[in-house]
Protein backbone atom coordinates (compact mmCIF):
# COMPACT_ATOMS: atom_id res chain seq x y z
CA UNK A 1 156.80 -27.80 226.69
CA UNK A 2 154.45 -25.28 227.02
CA UNK A 3 153.74 -25.63 223.14
CA UNK A 4 153.61 -29.40 223.54
CA UNK A 5 150.87 -29.15 226.54
CA UNK A 6 148.80 -26.51 224.33
CA UNK A 7 149.07 -28.85 221.38
CA UNK A 8 147.95 -31.96 223.42
CA UNK A 9 144.96 -29.85 225.00
CA UNK A 10 143.69 -28.73 221.46
CA UNK A 11 143.78 -32.12 220.01
CA UNK A 12 142.35 -33.97 223.04
CA UNK A 13 139.30 -31.47 223.77
CA UNK A 14 138.50 -30.82 219.83
CA UNK A 15 138.28 -34.56 219.20
CA UNK A 16 135.14 -34.68 221.89
CA UNK A 17 133.53 -31.48 220.41
CA UNK A 18 135.24 -29.32 223.03
CA UNK A 19 137.54 -26.37 222.50
CA UNK A 20 139.92 -26.66 225.51
CA UNK A 21 139.37 -23.67 227.74
CA UNK A 22 139.89 -25.21 231.20
CA UNK A 23 143.20 -27.11 229.71
CA UNK A 24 144.62 -23.74 228.51
CA UNK A 25 143.82 -22.16 231.78
CA UNK A 26 145.57 -25.11 233.63
CA UNK A 27 148.53 -25.02 231.28
CA UNK A 28 149.19 -21.33 231.44
CA UNK A 29 148.75 -21.43 235.28
CA UNK A 30 151.23 -24.09 235.81
CA UNK A 31 153.67 -22.01 233.49
CA UNK A 32 153.34 -19.00 235.53
CA UNK A 33 151.19 -16.44 233.35
CA UNK A 34 149.17 -14.01 235.29
CA UNK A 35 145.52 -14.00 235.20
CA UNK A 36 145.36 -11.04 232.87
CA UNK A 37 147.02 -13.10 230.05
CA UNK A 38 145.29 -16.34 230.84
CA UNK A 39 141.85 -15.24 230.66
CA UNK A 40 141.89 -13.63 227.00
CA UNK A 41 144.35 -15.90 225.78
CA UNK A 42 142.30 -18.96 226.70
CA UNK A 43 139.24 -17.20 225.03
CA UNK A 44 140.87 -16.48 221.87
CA UNK A 45 142.52 -20.01 221.59
CA UNK A 46 138.86 -21.31 222.67
CA UNK A 47 137.08 -19.51 219.67
CA UNK A 48 139.46 -20.69 217.24
CA UNK A 49 139.33 -24.34 218.03
CA UNK A 50 135.38 -23.86 218.27
CA UNK A 51 135.00 -22.36 214.97
CA UNK A 52 137.01 -25.18 213.58
CA UNK A 53 135.12 -27.95 215.75
CA UNK A 54 131.73 -26.51 214.67
CA UNK A 55 132.67 -26.45 210.79
CA UNK A 56 133.87 -30.04 211.11
CA UNK A 57 130.87 -31.62 213.12
CA UNK A 58 128.34 -29.71 211.06
CA UNK A 59 130.12 -30.80 207.50
CA UNK A 60 129.90 -34.55 208.92
CA UNK A 61 126.02 -34.09 209.63
CA UNK A 62 125.84 -34.18 213.17
CA UNK A 63 124.75 -30.86 214.25
CA UNK A 64 121.29 -30.01 215.20
CA UNK A 65 120.14 -26.29 215.30
CA UNK A 66 116.73 -27.41 216.95
CA UNK A 67 118.64 -29.21 219.77
CA UNK A 68 121.42 -26.50 220.12
CA UNK A 69 119.46 -23.12 220.19
CA UNK A 70 117.39 -23.81 223.38
CA UNK A 71 120.46 -24.18 225.42
CA UNK A 72 122.10 -21.24 224.00
CA UNK A 73 119.61 -18.43 224.08
CA UNK A 74 119.61 -17.76 227.79
CA UNK A 75 123.34 -18.95 228.06
CA UNK A 76 124.76 -15.60 226.73
CA UNK A 77 123.18 -13.37 229.18
CA UNK A 78 123.66 -15.82 232.10
CA UNK A 79 127.44 -16.19 231.61
CA UNK A 80 127.72 -11.99 231.41
CA UNK A 81 125.87 -12.06 234.64
CA UNK A 82 128.07 -14.85 236.37
CA UNK A 83 131.23 -13.11 235.21
CA UNK A 84 130.34 -10.10 237.73
CA UNK A 85 129.34 -12.62 240.57
CA UNK A 86 131.97 -12.70 243.43
CA UNK A 87 131.54 -15.83 245.32
CA UNK A 88 134.22 -18.33 246.73
CA UNK A 89 135.73 -19.93 243.97
CA UNK A 90 136.82 -22.93 246.29
CA UNK A 91 133.66 -23.79 247.07
CA UNK A 92 132.18 -23.46 243.30
CA UNK A 93 135.24 -25.23 241.90
CA UNK A 94 134.70 -28.19 244.72
CA UNK A 95 131.13 -28.64 243.75
CA UNK A 96 131.40 -28.72 240.11
CA UNK A 97 134.58 -30.60 240.16
CA UNK A 98 132.45 -33.27 241.89
CA UNK A 99 129.95 -33.40 239.21
CA UNK A 100 132.47 -33.64 236.29
CA UNK A 101 134.16 -36.47 237.97
CA UNK A 102 130.78 -38.30 238.55
CA UNK A 103 130.16 -37.47 234.95
CA UNK A 104 133.65 -38.99 234.03
CA UNK A 105 132.78 -42.27 235.99
CA UNK A 106 129.49 -42.85 234.18
CA UNK A 107 131.08 -42.37 230.70
CA UNK A 108 133.87 -45.14 231.79
CA UNK A 109 131.13 -47.57 232.50
CA UNK A 110 128.62 -46.41 229.56
CA UNK A 111 128.50 -49.26 226.85
CA UNK A 112 127.88 -46.77 223.85
CA UNK A 113 125.32 -44.42 222.29
CA UNK A 114 121.72 -44.51 223.68
CA UNK A 115 119.35 -46.71 221.54
CA UNK A 116 116.75 -44.06 221.49
CA UNK A 117 117.13 -40.23 221.81
CA UNK A 118 114.47 -37.81 222.77
CA UNK A 119 115.01 -33.87 222.82
CA UNK A 120 113.97 -32.13 226.12
CA UNK A 121 111.26 -30.05 226.47
CA UNK A 122 111.80 -26.30 225.43
CA UNK A 123 111.23 -24.73 228.90
CA UNK A 124 113.65 -27.49 230.34
CA UNK A 125 116.27 -26.75 227.83
CA UNK A 126 116.05 -23.01 228.36
CA UNK A 127 116.50 -23.34 232.12
CA UNK A 128 119.31 -25.71 231.91
CA UNK A 129 121.06 -23.40 229.26
CA UNK A 130 120.86 -20.35 231.31
CA UNK A 131 122.27 -22.56 234.33
CA UNK A 132 125.17 -23.92 232.20
CA UNK A 133 126.02 -20.59 230.94
CA UNK A 134 126.08 -19.30 234.50
CA UNK A 135 128.42 -22.06 235.37
CA UNK A 136 130.44 -21.30 232.09
CA UNK A 137 130.85 -17.69 233.43
CA UNK A 138 131.81 -18.73 236.92
CA UNK A 139 134.55 -21.29 235.94
CA UNK A 140 136.01 -19.10 232.72
CA UNK A 141 134.92 -22.04 230.43
CA UNK A 142 132.69 -22.30 227.34
CA UNK A 143 130.40 -24.64 229.24
CA UNK A 144 130.95 -27.85 227.24
CA UNK A 145 132.13 -29.85 229.86
CA UNK A 146 128.75 -29.22 231.75
CA UNK A 147 126.28 -29.74 228.32
CA UNK A 148 127.72 -32.84 226.69
CA UNK A 149 127.53 -35.41 229.67
CA UNK A 150 123.85 -33.71 230.41
CA UNK A 151 122.78 -34.50 226.41
CA UNK A 152 124.20 -38.08 226.94
CA UNK A 153 122.99 -38.93 230.50
CA UNK A 154 119.45 -38.02 229.73
CA UNK A 155 119.22 -39.62 226.42
CA UNK A 156 118.87 -36.24 224.37
CA UNK A 157 121.44 -36.91 221.71
CA UNK A 158 123.97 -39.29 220.55
CA UNK A 159 127.59 -38.97 221.22
CA UNK A 160 128.60 -36.99 217.95
CA UNK A 161 125.39 -34.98 217.99
CA UNK A 162 125.98 -34.11 221.59
CA UNK A 163 129.74 -33.13 220.63
CA UNK A 164 128.12 -30.80 217.74
CA UNK A 165 125.89 -29.19 219.99
CA UNK A 166 128.25 -28.32 222.53
CA UNK A 167 131.08 -27.11 220.51
CA UNK A 168 128.46 -24.38 218.81
CA UNK A 169 127.43 -23.83 222.19
CA UNK A 170 131.19 -23.32 223.28
CA UNK A 171 131.95 -20.95 220.51
CA UNK A 172 128.78 -18.70 221.09
CA UNK A 173 129.58 -18.66 224.92
CA UNK A 174 133.13 -17.99 224.19
CA UNK A 175 132.68 -15.12 221.59
CA UNK A 176 130.21 -13.39 224.03
CA UNK A 177 133.08 -13.72 226.84
CA UNK A 178 135.79 -12.32 224.80
CA UNK A 179 133.37 -9.51 223.70
CA UNK A 180 132.65 -8.53 227.42
CA UNK A 181 136.27 -8.82 228.39
CA UNK A 182 137.13 -6.09 225.46
CA UNK A 183 134.33 -3.98 226.38
CA UNK A 184 135.28 -3.67 229.81
CA UNK A 185 139.15 -2.40 228.71
CA UNK A 186 140.73 -5.83 228.33
CA UNK A 187 143.19 -6.66 225.75
CA UNK A 188 144.31 -9.76 223.77
CA UNK A 189 148.11 -10.70 224.48
CA UNK A 190 150.63 -11.36 221.98
CA UNK A 191 150.86 -15.09 223.69
CA UNK A 192 147.49 -15.60 222.23
CA UNK A 193 148.69 -15.13 218.60
CA UNK A 194 151.62 -17.26 219.08
CA UNK A 195 149.79 -20.10 220.42
CA UNK A 196 146.91 -19.82 217.85
CA UNK A 197 148.61 -21.81 214.80
CA UNK A 198 149.19 -24.76 217.20
CA UNK A 199 145.71 -24.97 218.16
CA UNK A 200 144.49 -24.49 214.70
CA UNK A 201 146.47 -27.16 213.40
CA UNK A 202 145.82 -29.69 216.19
CA UNK A 203 142.05 -28.59 216.58
CA UNK A 204 141.68 -29.48 213.18
CA UNK A 205 143.22 -32.79 213.55
CA UNK A 206 141.40 -33.61 216.53
CA UNK A 207 137.82 -32.65 215.34
CA UNK A 208 138.12 -34.28 211.92
CA UNK A 209 139.10 -37.52 213.57
CA UNK A 210 136.37 -37.03 216.35
CA UNK A 211 133.56 -36.10 213.63
CA UNK A 212 134.56 -38.85 211.17
CA UNK A 213 136.85 -41.61 212.34
CA UNK A 214 136.94 -42.39 216.09
CA UNK A 215 134.68 -44.98 217.20
CA UNK A 216 131.92 -43.54 219.62
CA UNK A 217 133.49 -45.81 222.66
CA UNK A 218 136.85 -44.00 221.92
CA UNK A 219 135.01 -40.52 222.02
CA UNK A 220 133.32 -41.36 225.14
CA UNK A 221 136.62 -42.19 226.81
CA UNK A 222 138.32 -39.32 225.74
CA UNK A 223 135.46 -37.24 226.99
CA UNK A 224 135.80 -38.95 230.07
CA UNK A 225 139.51 -37.98 230.46
CA UNK A 226 138.45 -34.41 229.28
CA UNK A 227 136.05 -34.19 232.38
CA UNK A 228 138.61 -35.65 234.74
CA UNK A 229 141.05 -33.10 233.90
CA UNK A 230 138.71 -30.05 234.03
CA UNK A 231 137.42 -31.61 237.40
CA UNK A 232 140.95 -31.96 238.93
CA UNK A 233 141.91 -27.94 237.73
CA UNK A 234 138.96 -27.02 239.38
CA UNK A 235 139.92 -28.71 242.68
CA UNK A 236 143.48 -27.06 242.59
CA UNK A 237 144.16 -23.89 244.20
CA UNK A 238 144.24 -20.69 241.94
CA UNK A 239 146.47 -17.74 242.17
């Protein structure tokens, strides 16, 4: 059941340009693993799926470096800072969950890609990237669940471009988070390597379909399901 659940998370998240951190955390928590095992395992799985997703979406021609780097440049230090912040996680989780669930509802009623897209101004992208990086550090995710709906709702990118931007953003943040964890004395548990082949196979399939085959409307509905999953996970009590 654990393998099936991890496989489902990897497939669903990768198809919309995400890597699955919030899903892995939820699954591993439900199966009774400790936080010391969950965090590095989720980060390793996130990195593997994000590498595959980045490759798939870039090969398919949907990635824009000029759109991505302004969001990423301040996200890395912000996520490091957030990792050391001690705030009531129930309050943080509730506020962010409301944002994610609202975004999911907007995606359900959204008809399709915006007709025209206009990239954000540099100062705004830098500021929002730092904020999303901080939220990613607080919640233990790569930040894609915040970046993708933002890009779509503001008309800054089409669906597949938003997915490509998010998966590279997630990869950068996840590597940063894992390096920070290892520097502080953390280790990678054997469970991560046991689950790695599963997420590689399902992440490859999901990102291939999402970058090339699935209709935009299907991707948006899958993204809405991902946002609901992440939002509900944040509302659940943590150990």
